[in-house]
Amino acid sequence: MASDLIVQYAFATPSGVGNSVLVAAQPGQRIVLLQVCVITGGSNNVKFQTNGTTDISATYPLAQNGGFVLPYSQLGWFATEIGESLTFNQSAGVSTAVQIVWCPRSV
């Protein structure tokens, strides 16, 4: 399976409340999150969503300057629906660093 991976990298530093698109929709593909790092500048609840409407991760409550790392997983931590964008949602208007490793998958 490792030879099938087309690994991509993305990052964002959203600072507003609500959704930020991390990866645009991939026609006919799911966006699979293989690795994640999030650090927030203030108290914040963060989560990942498919198309900005459906949660695909837990909501992670973070303290000021807190964060987390989901280490590399070839199977992925979570995935969008086919043909939908990957969005990051936060509850507070604070600067948050989001760094991801992802791949498109048709299944």
Protein backbone atom coordinates (compact mmCIF):
# COMPACT_ATOMS: atom_id res chain seq x y z
CA MET A 1 0.00 0.00 0.00
CA ALA A 2 2.86 2.42 0.72
CA SER A 3 3.75 2.57 -2.97
CA ASP A 4 0.17 3.70 -3.72
CA LEU A 5 0.46 6.80 -1.54
CA ILE A 6 0.70 10.20 -3.17
CA VAL A 7 1.72 12.14 -0.10
CA GLN A 8 0.87 15.84 0.04
CA TYR A 9 1.64 18.53 2.60
CA ALA A 10 -0.42 21.51 3.70
CA PHE A 11 -0.48 24.09 6.45
CA ALA A 12 -2.62 26.98 7.57
CA THR A 13 -2.65 29.58 10.32
CA PRO A 14 -6.33 30.42 10.76
CA SER A 15 -7.16 33.19 13.21
CA GLY A 16 -10.93 33.49 12.90
CA VAL A 17 -13.78 31.58 14.48
CA GLY A 18 -15.31 28.85 12.33
CA ASN A 19 -14.11 26.94 9.28
CA SER A 20 -10.95 27.22 7.21
CA VAL A 21 -10.43 25.05 4.13
CA LEU A 22 -7.15 23.13 4.48
CA VAL A 23 -7.43 21.08 1.29
CA ALA A 24 -9.82 21.78 -1.59
CA ALA A 25 -12.13 18.99 -2.74
CA GLN A 26 -10.44 16.32 -4.87
CA PRO A 27 -12.86 15.07 -7.54
CA GLY A 28 -13.57 11.36 -7.06
CA GLN A 29 -11.19 11.16 -4.08
CA ARG A 30 -11.24 11.21 -0.30
CA ILE A 31 -8.70 13.34 1.56
CA VAL A 32 -7.06 11.07 4.12
CA LEU A 33 -5.15 12.65 7.02
CA LEU A 34 -1.94 10.73 7.66
CA GLN A 35 -0.29 13.07 10.18
CA VAL A 36 -1.41 16.20 12.03
CA CYS A 37 0.13 18.89 14.24
CA VAL A 38 -2.00 21.64 15.81
CA ILE A 39 -0.89 24.39 18.21
CA THR A 40 -3.19 27.22 19.29
CA GLY A 41 -2.37 30.65 20.68
CA GLY A 42 -5.35 30.73 23.06
CA SER A 43 -7.94 28.51 24.67
CA ASN A 44 -9.72 26.86 21.77
CA ASN A 45 -11.80 23.85 20.73
CA VAL A 46 -10.68 22.48 17.37
CA LYS A 47 -11.88 19.74 15.01
CA PHE A 48 -11.66 18.58 11.42
CA GLN A 49 -14.68 18.41 9.12
CA THR A 50 -15.62 17.20 5.67
CA ASN A 51 -17.04 20.03 3.55
CA GLY A 52 -17.31 22.27 6.61
CA THR A 53 -20.47 20.53 7.78
CA THR A 54 -19.75 17.02 9.09
CA ASP A 55 -17.29 16.26 11.86
CA ILE A 56 -14.65 13.66 10.99
CA SER A 57 -12.61 14.03 14.18
CA ALA A 58 -13.26 14.52 17.84
CA THR A 59 -13.38 18.06 19.20
CA TYR A 60 -10.04 18.68 20.89
CA PRO A 61 -10.17 21.19 23.79
CA LEU A 62 -6.86 23.04 23.93
CA ALA A 63 -5.44 25.43 26.50
CA GLN A 64 -3.52 28.58 25.53
CA ASN A 65 -0.35 27.59 23.65
CA GLY A 66 -1.53 23.98 23.77
CA GLY A 67 -1.67 21.52 20.96
CA PHE A 68 -1.31 17.95 19.83
CA VAL A 69 0.39 15.73 17.28
CA LEU A 70 -1.18 12.73 15.60
CA PRO A 71 1.88 10.79 14.37
CA TYR A 72 2.14 9.24 10.92
CA SER A 73 -0.41 6.51 10.20
CA GLN A 74 -0.38 4.87 6.78
CA LEU A 75 -4.06 3.98 7.21
CA GLY A 76 -4.90 7.55 8.18
CA TRP A 77 -6.52 9.13 11.21
CA PHE A 78 -9.68 10.26 9.42
CA ALA A 79 -10.93 11.03 5.90
CA THR A 80 -13.38 13.27 4.10
CA GLU A 81 -16.28 12.03 2.04
CA ILE A 82 -15.48 11.47 -1.63
CA GLY A 83 -15.22 14.77 -3.52
CA GLU A 84 -15.46 16.98 -0.41
CA SER A 85 -12.99 19.50 1.02
CA LEU A 86 -11.12 19.12 4.29
CA THR A 87 -11.90 21.92 6.72
CA PHE A 88 -10.51 22.89 10.10
CA ASN A 89 -12.91 24.39 12.63
CA GLN A 90 -12.02 26.41 15.71
CA SER A 91 -14.14 27.98 18.43
CA ALA A 92 -11.93 30.97 19.24
CA GLY A 93 -10.59 33.84 17.16
CA VAL A 94 -6.95 33.12 17.96
CA SER A 95 -3.99 32.29 15.75
CA THR A 96 -3.69 28.52 15.38
CA ALA A 97 -0.99 26.60 13.50
CA VAL A 98 -2.16 23.54 11.57
CA GLN A 99 0.32 21.33 9.69
CA ILE A 100 -0.88 18.17 7.91
CA VAL A 101 0.32 15.30 5.78
CA TRP A 102 -2.43 13.88 3.59
CA CYS A 103 -3.09 11.76 0.54
CA PRO A 104 -5.95 11.36 -1.93
CA ARG A 105 -7.64 7.96 -2.03
CA SER A 106 -10.43 6.75 -4.27
CA VAL A 107 -11.76 4.19 -1.74
